[in-house]
Full PDB file with SEQRES, HELIX, SHEET, SSBOND, CRYST1, ORIGX, SCALE, CONECT and MASTER records, all heavy atoms in Angstrom:
SEQRES   1 A   30  CYS TYR ILE CYS ASP ASN LYS ILE PHE THR GLY ASP THR          
SEQRES   2 A   30  LEU PHE PHE CYS SER CYS GLY ARG THR ASP PHE PRO GLY          
SEQRES   3 A   30  GLY SER TYR THR                                              
SHEET    1 AA1 2 TYR A   2  CYS A   4  0                                        
SHEET    2 AA1 2 LYS A   7  PHE A   9 -1                                        
SHEET    1 AA2 2 LEU A  14  PHE A  15  0                                        
SHEET    2 AA2 2 SER A  18  CYS A  19 -1                                        
CRYST1    1.000    1.000    1.000  90.00  90.00  90.00 P 1           1          
ORIGX1      1.000000  0.000000  0.000000        0.00000                         
ORIGX2      0.000000  1.000000  0.000000        0.00000                         
ORIGX3      0.000000  0.000000  1.000000        0.00000                         
SCALE1      1.000000  0.000000  0.000000        0.00000                         
SCALE2      0.000000  1.000000  0.000000        0.00000                         
SCALE3      0.000000  0.000000  1.000000        0.00000                         
ATOM      1  N   CYS A   1     -45.108 -43.227   5.378  1.00  0.00           N  
ATOM      2  CA  CYS A   1     -44.664 -44.107   6.450  1.00  0.00           C  
ATOM      3  C   CYS A   1     -43.143 -44.088   6.472  1.00  0.00           C  
ATOM      4  O   CYS A   1     -42.496 -43.925   5.434  1.00  0.00           O  
ATOM      5  CB  CYS A   1     -45.154 -45.540   6.233  1.00  0.00           C  
ATOM      6  SG  CYS A   1     -46.950 -45.735   6.306  1.00  0.00           S  
ATOM      7  N   TYR A   2     -42.594 -44.238   7.662  1.00  0.00           N  
ATOM      8  CA  TYR A   2     -41.146 -44.295   7.829  1.00  0.00           C  
ATOM      9  C   TYR A   2     -40.768 -45.713   8.262  1.00  0.00           C  
ATOM     10  O   TYR A   2     -41.309 -46.240   9.242  1.00  0.00           O  
ATOM     11  CB  TYR A   2     -40.690 -43.298   8.891  1.00  0.00           C  
ATOM     12  CG  TYR A   2     -40.954 -41.855   8.514  1.00  0.00           C  
ATOM     13  CD1 TYR A   2     -42.065 -41.180   9.013  1.00  0.00           C  
ATOM     14  CD2 TYR A   2     -40.096 -41.169   7.662  1.00  0.00           C  
ATOM     15  CE1 TYR A   2     -42.314 -39.855   8.672  1.00  0.00           C  
ATOM     16  CE2 TYR A   2     -40.332 -39.844   7.318  1.00  0.00           C  
ATOM     17  CZ  TYR A   2     -41.440 -39.191   7.826  1.00  0.00           C  
ATOM     18  OH  TYR A   2     -41.682 -37.878   7.483  1.00  0.00           O  
ATOM     19  N   ILE A   3     -39.843 -46.321   7.522  1.00  0.00           N  
ATOM     20  CA  ILE A   3     -39.426 -47.697   7.790  1.00  0.00           C  
ATOM     21  C   ILE A   3     -37.969 -47.710   8.241  1.00  0.00           C  
ATOM     22  O   ILE A   3     -37.107 -47.117   7.583  1.00  0.00           O  
ATOM     23  CB  ILE A   3     -39.574 -48.581   6.536  1.00  0.00           C  
ATOM     24  CG1 ILE A   3     -41.017 -48.565   6.029  1.00  0.00           C  
ATOM     25  CG2 ILE A   3     -39.137 -50.012   6.828  1.00  0.00           C  
ATOM     26  CD1 ILE A   3     -41.220 -49.357   4.751  1.00  0.00           C  
ATOM     27  N   CYS A   4     -37.713 -48.378   9.340  1.00  0.00           N  
ATOM     28  CA  CYS A   4     -36.337 -48.547   9.809  1.00  0.00           C  
ATOM     29  C   CYS A   4     -36.231 -49.855  10.574  1.00  0.00           C  
ATOM     30  O   CYS A   4     -37.086 -50.159  11.419  1.00  0.00           O  
ATOM     31  CB  CYS A   4     -35.928 -47.387  10.711  1.00  0.00           C  
ATOM     32  SG  CYS A   4     -34.162 -47.354  11.116  1.00  0.00           S  
ATOM     33  N   ASP A   5     -35.199 -50.615  10.275  1.00  0.00           N  
ATOM     34  CA  ASP A   5     -35.049 -51.954  10.860  1.00  0.00           C  
ATOM     35  C   ASP A   5     -36.325 -52.753  10.553  1.00  0.00           C  
ATOM     36  O   ASP A   5     -36.769 -52.805   9.429  1.00  0.00           O  
ATOM     37  CB  ASP A   5     -34.774 -51.874  12.364  1.00  0.00           C  
ATOM     38  CG  ASP A   5     -33.439 -51.205  12.688  1.00  0.00           C  
ATOM     39  OD1 ASP A   5     -32.588 -51.127  11.794  1.00  0.00           O  
ATOM     40  OD2 ASP A   5     -33.265 -50.764  13.837  1.00  0.00           O  
ATOM     41  N   ASN A   6     -36.930 -53.309  11.575  1.00  0.00           N  
ATOM     42  CA  ASN A   6     -38.169 -54.069  11.373  1.00  0.00           C  
ATOM     43  C   ASN A   6     -39.365 -53.296  11.917  1.00  0.00           C  
ATOM     44  O   ASN A   6     -40.320 -53.874  12.433  1.00  0.00           O  
ATOM     45  CB  ASN A   6     -38.069 -55.431  12.066  1.00  0.00           C  
ATOM     46  CG  ASN A   6     -37.892 -55.294  13.571  1.00  0.00           C  
ATOM     47  OD1 ASN A   6     -37.456 -54.250  14.059  1.00  0.00           O  
ATOM     48  ND2 ASN A   6     -38.219 -56.334  14.308  1.00  0.00           N  
ATOM     49  N   LYS A   7     -39.322 -51.965  11.774  1.00  0.00           N  
ATOM     50  CA  LYS A   7     -40.352 -51.101  12.327  1.00  0.00           C  
ATOM     51  C   LYS A   7     -40.923 -50.195  11.237  1.00  0.00           C  
ATOM     52  O   LYS A   7     -40.190 -49.702  10.387  1.00  0.00           O  
ATOM     53  CB  LYS A   7     -39.764 -50.235  13.452  1.00  0.00           C  
ATOM     54  CG  LYS A   7     -39.123 -51.034  14.577  1.00  0.00           C  
ATOM     55  CD  LYS A   7     -38.308 -50.147  15.488  1.00  0.00           C  
ATOM     56  CE  LYS A   7     -37.694 -50.941  16.645  1.00  0.00           C  
ATOM     57  NZ  LYS A   7     -36.783 -52.001  16.196  1.00  0.00           N  
ATOM     58  N   ILE A   8     -42.246 -49.971  11.278  1.00  0.00           N  
ATOM     59  CA  ILE A   8     -42.889 -49.023  10.371  1.00  0.00           C  
ATOM     60  C   ILE A   8     -43.735 -48.060  11.204  1.00  0.00           C  
ATOM     61  O   ILE A   8     -44.590 -48.492  11.992  1.00  0.00           O  
ATOM     62  CB  ILE A   8     -43.789 -49.706   9.338  1.00  0.00           C  
ATOM     63  CG1 ILE A   8     -43.073 -50.835   8.609  1.00  0.00           C  
ATOM     64  CG2 ILE A   8     -44.295 -48.674   8.330  1.00  0.00           C  
ATOM     65  CD1 ILE A   8     -43.951 -51.575   7.608  1.00  0.00           C  
ATOM     66  N   PHE A   9     -43.492 -46.778  11.009  1.00  0.00           N  
ATOM     67  CA  PHE A   9     -44.286 -45.738  11.670  1.00  0.00           C  
ATOM     68  C   PHE A   9     -45.335 -45.278  10.652  1.00  0.00           C  
ATOM     69  O   PHE A   9     -45.013 -44.631   9.660  1.00  0.00           O  
ATOM     70  CB  PHE A   9     -43.368 -44.612  12.132  1.00  0.00           C  
ATOM     71  CG  PHE A   9     -42.342 -45.096  13.118  1.00  0.00           C  
ATOM     72  CD1 PHE A   9     -41.114 -45.586  12.676  1.00  0.00           C  
ATOM     73  CD2 PHE A   9     -42.632 -45.140  14.465  1.00  0.00           C  
ATOM     74  CE1 PHE A   9     -40.180 -46.085  13.577  1.00  0.00           C  
ATOM     75  CE2 PHE A   9     -41.701 -45.636  15.381  1.00  0.00           C  
ATOM     76  CZ  PHE A   9     -40.475 -46.114  14.931  1.00  0.00           C  
ATOM     77  N   THR A  10     -46.577 -45.673  10.894  1.00  0.00           N  
ATOM     78  CA  THR A  10     -47.611 -45.618   9.850  1.00  0.00           C  
ATOM     79  C   THR A  10     -48.498 -44.388   9.921  1.00  0.00           C  
ATOM     80  O   THR A  10     -49.362 -44.222   9.055  1.00  0.00           O  
ATOM     81  CB  THR A  10     -48.496 -46.875   9.913  1.00  0.00           C  
ATOM     82  OG1 THR A  10     -49.160 -46.937  11.192  1.00  0.00           O  
ATOM     83  CG2 THR A  10     -47.669 -48.133   9.694  1.00  0.00           C  
ATOM     84  N   GLY A  11     -48.320 -43.525  10.911  1.00  0.00           N  
ATOM     85  CA  GLY A  11     -49.158 -42.339  10.995  1.00  0.00           C  
ATOM     86  C   GLY A  11     -50.626 -42.700  10.993  1.00  0.00           C  
ATOM     87  O   GLY A  11     -51.065 -43.614  11.699  1.00  0.00           O  
ATOM     88  N   ASP A  12     -51.407 -41.993  10.164  1.00  0.00           N  
ATOM     89  CA  ASP A  12     -52.838 -42.277  10.079  1.00  0.00           C  
ATOM     90  C   ASP A  12     -53.195 -43.061   8.817  1.00  0.00           C  
ATOM     91  O   ASP A  12     -54.335 -43.029   8.355  1.00  0.00           O  
ATOM     92  CB  ASP A  12     -53.640 -40.973  10.133  1.00  0.00           C  
ATOM     93  CG  ASP A  12     -53.665 -40.365  11.529  1.00  0.00           C  
ATOM     94  OD1 ASP A  12     -52.978 -40.891  12.421  1.00  0.00           O  
ATOM     95  OD2 ASP A  12     -54.359 -39.347  11.718  1.00  0.00           O  
ATOM     96  N   THR A  13     -52.217 -43.755   8.270  1.00  0.00           N  
ATOM     97  CA  THR A  13     -52.496 -44.635   7.137  1.00  0.00           C  
ATOM     98  C   THR A  13     -53.047 -45.970   7.615  1.00  0.00           C  
ATOM     99  O   THR A  13     -54.084 -46.440   7.140  1.00  0.00           O  
ATOM    100  CB  THR A  13     -51.223 -44.875   6.302  1.00  0.00           C  
ATOM    101  OG1 THR A  13     -50.787 -43.634   5.753  1.00  0.00           O  
ATOM    102  CG2 THR A  13     -51.482 -45.865   5.172  1.00  0.00           C  
ATOM    103  N   LEU A  14     -52.380 -46.580   8.570  1.00  0.00           N  
ATOM    104  CA  LEU A  14     -52.727 -47.934   9.017  1.00  0.00           C  
ATOM    105  C   LEU A  14     -52.822 -47.971  10.534  1.00  0.00           C  
ATOM    106  O   LEU A  14     -51.894 -47.566  11.230  1.00  0.00           O  
ATOM    107  CB  LEU A  14     -51.655 -48.920   8.537  1.00  0.00           C  
ATOM    108  CG  LEU A  14     -51.747 -50.359   9.015  1.00  0.00           C  
ATOM    109  CD1 LEU A  14     -53.072 -50.998   8.620  1.00  0.00           C  
ATOM    110  CD2 LEU A  14     -50.575 -51.178   8.460  1.00  0.00           C  
ATOM    111  N   PHE A  15     -53.975 -48.440  11.020  1.00  0.00           N  
ATOM    112  CA  PHE A  15     -54.209 -48.627  12.445  1.00  0.00           C  
ATOM    113  C   PHE A  15     -54.437 -50.116  12.737  1.00  0.00           C  
ATOM    114  O   PHE A  15     -54.584 -50.924  11.821  1.00  0.00           O  
ATOM    115  CB  PHE A  15     -55.464 -47.859  12.904  1.00  0.00           C  
ATOM    116  CG  PHE A  15     -55.410 -46.382  12.699  1.00  0.00           C  
ATOM    117  CD1 PHE A  15     -56.515 -45.708  12.187  1.00  0.00           C  
ATOM    118  CD2 PHE A  15     -54.283 -45.644  13.020  1.00  0.00           C  
ATOM    119  CE1 PHE A  15     -56.501 -44.341  12.003  1.00  0.00           C  
ATOM    120  CE2 PHE A  15     -54.252 -44.270  12.842  1.00  0.00           C  
ATOM    121  CZ  PHE A  15     -55.355 -43.613  12.338  1.00  0.00           C  
ATOM    122  N   PHE A  16     -54.535 -50.436  14.012  1.00  0.00           N  
ATOM    123  CA  PHE A  16     -54.890 -51.784  14.438  1.00  0.00           C  
ATOM    124  C   PHE A  16     -56.258 -52.139  13.866  1.00  0.00           C  
ATOM    125  O   PHE A  16     -57.277 -51.524  14.201  1.00  0.00           O  
ATOM    126  CB  PHE A  16     -54.910 -51.853  15.966  1.00  0.00           C  
ATOM    127  CG  PHE A  16     -55.384 -53.169  16.518  1.00  0.00           C  
ATOM    128  CD1 PHE A  16     -54.526 -54.256  16.580  1.00  0.00           C  
ATOM    129  CD2 PHE A  16     -56.683 -53.306  16.971  1.00  0.00           C  
ATOM    130  CE1 PHE A  16     -54.962 -55.473  17.089  1.00  0.00           C  
ATOM    131  CE2 PHE A  16     -57.125 -54.517  17.489  1.00  0.00           C  
ATOM    132  CZ  PHE A  16     -56.259 -55.599  17.540  1.00  0.00           C  
ATOM    133  N   CYS A  17     -56.280 -53.092  12.932  1.00  0.00           N  
ATOM    134  CA  CYS A  17     -57.507 -53.579  12.296  1.00  0.00           C  
ATOM    135  C   CYS A  17     -58.332 -52.471  11.641  1.00  0.00           C  
ATOM    136  O   CYS A  17     -59.562 -52.596  11.488  1.00  0.00           O  
ATOM    137  CB  CYS A  17     -58.372 -54.350  13.304  1.00  0.00           C  
ATOM    138  SG  CYS A  17     -57.700 -55.983  13.687  1.00  0.00           S  
ATOM    139  N   SER A  18     -57.674 -51.400  11.250  1.00  0.00           N  
ATOM    140  CA  SER A  18     -58.397 -50.296  10.640  1.00  0.00           C  
ATOM    141  C   SER A  18     -57.436 -49.454   9.802  1.00  0.00           C  
ATOM    142  O   SER A  18     -56.277 -49.828   9.599  1.00  0.00           O  
ATOM    143  CB  SER A  18     -59.063 -49.439  11.727  1.00  0.00           C  
ATOM    144  OG  SER A  18     -59.922 -48.470  11.150  1.00  0.00           O  
ATOM    145  N   CYS A  19     -57.941 -48.317   9.322  1.00  0.00           N  
ATOM    146  CA  CYS A  19     -57.101 -47.396   8.556  1.00  0.00           C  
ATOM    147  C   CYS A  19     -57.617 -45.984   8.778  1.00  0.00           C  
ATOM    148  O   CYS A  19     -58.661 -45.770   9.398  1.00  0.00           O  
ATOM    149  CB  CYS A  19     -57.105 -47.751   7.073  1.00  0.00           C  
ATOM    150  SG  CYS A  19     -58.695 -47.508   6.242  1.00  0.00           S  
ATOM    151  N   GLY A  20     -56.887 -45.015   8.265  1.00  0.00           N  
ATOM    152  CA  GLY A  20     -57.246 -43.623   8.466  1.00  0.00           C  
ATOM    153  C   GLY A  20     -58.490 -43.216   7.697  1.00  0.00           C  
ATOM    154  O   GLY A  20     -58.856 -43.822   6.682  1.00  0.00           O  
ATOM    155  N   ARG A  21     -59.125 -42.155   8.182  1.00  0.00           N  
ATOM    156  CA  ARG A  21     -60.288 -41.598   7.504  1.00  0.00           C  
ATOM    157  C   ARG A  21     -59.894 -41.052   6.137  1.00  0.00           C  
ATOM    158  O   ARG A  21     -58.780 -40.575   5.939  1.00  0.00           O  
ATOM    159  CB  ARG A  21     -60.893 -40.475   8.344  1.00  0.00           C  
ATOM    160  CG  ARG A  21     -61.544 -40.946   9.615  1.00  0.00           C  
ATOM    161  CD  ARG A  21     -62.037 -39.783  10.449  1.00  0.00           C  
ATOM    162  NE  ARG A  21     -63.037 -38.979   9.737  1.00  0.00           N  
ATOM    163  CZ  ARG A  21     -63.796 -38.044  10.329  1.00  0.00           C  
ATOM    164  NH1 ARG A  21     -63.651 -37.812  11.632  1.00  0.00           N  
ATOM    165  NH2 ARG A  21     -64.674 -37.348   9.626  1.00  0.00           N  
ATOM    166  N   THR A  22     -60.843 -41.084   5.224  1.00  0.00           N  
ATOM    167  CA  THR A  22     -60.576 -40.580   3.878  1.00  0.00           C  
ATOM    168  C   THR A  22     -61.571 -39.497   3.454  1.00  0.00           C  
ATOM    169  O   THR A  22     -61.611 -39.102   2.292  1.00  0.00           O  
ATOM    170  CB  THR A  22     -60.620 -41.727   2.853  1.00  0.00           C  
ATOM    171  OG1 THR A  22     -61.919 -42.342   2.874  1.00  0.00           O  
ATOM    172  CG2 THR A  22     -59.566 -42.774   3.165  1.00  0.00           C  
ATOM    173  N   ASP A  23     -62.370 -39.000   4.418  1.00  0.00           N  
ATOM    174  CA  ASP A  23     -63.402 -38.021   4.083  1.00  0.00           C  
ATOM    175  C   ASP A  23     -62.965 -36.580   4.304  1.00  0.00           C  
ATOM    176  O   ASP A  23     -63.764 -35.653   4.147  1.00  0.00           O  
ATOM    177  CB  ASP A  23     -64.683 -38.311   4.868  1.00  0.00           C  
ATOM    178  CG  ASP A  23     -64.475 -38.332   6.379  1.00  0.00           C  
ATOM    179  OD1 ASP A  23     -63.328 -38.550   6.829  1.00  0.00           O  
ATOM    180  OD2 ASP A  23     -65.458 -38.135   7.121  1.00  0.00           O  
ATOM    181  N   PHE A  24     -61.705 -36.366   4.665  1.00  0.00           N  
ATOM    182  CA  PHE A  24     -61.174 -35.012   4.772  1.00  0.00           C  
ATOM    183  C   PHE A  24     -60.680 -34.548   3.403  1.00  0.00           C  
ATOM    184  O   PHE A  24     -60.434 -35.374   2.517  1.00  0.00           O  
ATOM    185  CB  PHE A  24     -60.020 -34.963   5.779  1.00  0.00           C  
ATOM    186  CG  PHE A  24     -60.411 -35.264   7.197  1.00  0.00           C  
ATOM    187  CD1 PHE A  24     -59.676 -36.174   7.946  1.00  0.00           C  
ATOM    188  CD2 PHE A  24     -61.493 -34.636   7.793  1.00  0.00           C  
ATOM    189  CE1 PHE A  24     -60.011 -36.454   9.265  1.00  0.00           C  
ATOM    190  CE2 PHE A  24     -61.844 -34.914   9.107  1.00  0.00           C  
ATOM    191  CZ  PHE A  24     -61.104 -35.821   9.839  1.00  0.00           C  
ATOM    192  N   PRO A  25     -60.506 -33.232   3.227  1.00  0.00           N  
ATOM    193  CA  PRO A  25     -59.932 -32.751   1.965  1.00  0.00           C  
ATOM    194  C   PRO A  25     -58.600 -33.434   1.664  1.00  0.00           C  
ATOM    195  O   PRO A  25     -57.741 -33.563   2.535  1.00  0.00           O  
ATOM    196  CB  PRO A  25     -59.732 -31.251   2.223  1.00  0.00           C  
ATOM    197  CG  PRO A  25     -60.784 -30.905   3.230  1.00  0.00           C  
ATOM    198  CD  PRO A  25     -60.877 -32.108   4.125  1.00  0.00           C  
ATOM    199  N   GLY A  26     -58.459 -33.895   0.426  1.00  0.00           N  
ATOM    200  CA  GLY A  26     -57.232 -34.602   0.042  1.00  0.00           C  
ATOM    201  C   GLY A  26     -57.273 -36.086   0.302  1.00  0.00           C  
ATOM    202  O   GLY A  26     -56.365 -36.816  -0.100  1.00  0.00           O  
ATOM    203  N   GLY A  27     -58.304 -36.548   0.978  1.00  0.00           N  
ATOM    204  CA  GLY A  27     -58.428 -37.968   1.270  1.00  0.00           C  
ATOM    205  C   GLY A  27     -58.989 -38.739   0.090  1.00  0.00           C  
ATOM    206  O   GLY A  27     -59.704 -38.194  -0.752  1.00  0.00           O  
ATOM    207  N   SER A  28     -58.664 -40.013   0.041  1.00  0.00           N  
ATOM    208  CA  SER A  28     -59.162 -40.864  -1.035  1.00  0.00           C  
ATOM    209  C   SER A  28     -59.192 -42.310  -0.563  1.00  0.00           C  
ATOM    210  O   SER A  28     -58.146 -42.870  -0.205  1.00  0.00           O  
ATOM    211  CB  SER A  28     -58.275 -40.748  -2.280  1.00  0.00           C  
ATOM    212  OG  SER A  28     -58.549 -41.787  -3.199  1.00  0.00           O  
ATOM    213  N   TYR A  29     -60.381 -42.918  -0.572  1.00  0.00           N  
ATOM    214  CA  TYR A  29     -60.479 -44.314  -0.171  1.00  0.00           C  
ATOM    215  C   TYR A  29     -59.704 -45.209  -1.131  1.00  0.00           C  
ATOM    216  O   TYR A  29     -59.008 -46.139  -0.711  1.00  0.00           O  
ATOM    217  CB  TYR A  29     -61.946 -44.745  -0.104  1.00  0.00           C  
ATOM    218  CG  TYR A  29     -62.118 -46.178   0.340  1.00  0.00           C  
ATOM    219  CD1 TYR A  29     -61.968 -46.527   1.688  1.00  0.00           C  
ATOM    220  CD2 TYR A  29     -62.384 -47.187  -0.576  1.00  0.00           C  
ATOM    221  CE1 TYR A  29     -62.104 -47.845   2.099  1.00  0.00           C  
ATOM    222  CE2 TYR A  29     -62.527 -48.499  -0.173  1.00  0.00           C  
ATOM    223  CZ  TYR A  29     -62.378 -48.826   1.158  1.00  0.00           C  
ATOM    224  OH  TYR A  29     -62.502 -50.125   1.567  1.00  0.00           O  
ATOM    225  N   THR A  30     -59.810 -44.922  -2.424  1.00  0.00           N  
ATOM    226  CA  THR A  30     -59.083 -45.714  -3.418  1.00  0.00           C  
ATOM    227  C   THR A  30     -57.583 -45.663  -3.154  1.00  0.00           C  
ATOM    228  O   THR A  30     -56.899 -46.695  -3.196  1.00  0.00           O  
ATOM    229  CB  THR A  30     -59.376 -45.204  -4.841  1.00  0.00           C  
ATOM    230  OG1 THR A  30     -60.779 -45.322  -5.091  1.00  0.00           O  
ATOM    231  CG2 THR A  30     -58.602 -46.010  -5.868  1.00  0.00           C  
TER     232      THR A  30                                                      
MASTER        0    0    0    0    4    0    0    6  231    1    0    3          
END                                                                             
């Protein structure tokens, strides 16, 4: 994630009331 001022660009880590998938290679729910 990239943080600047009061903004965070979260990519596919954090979504509105959800989060990114973890079932792709390299993914981990933990």
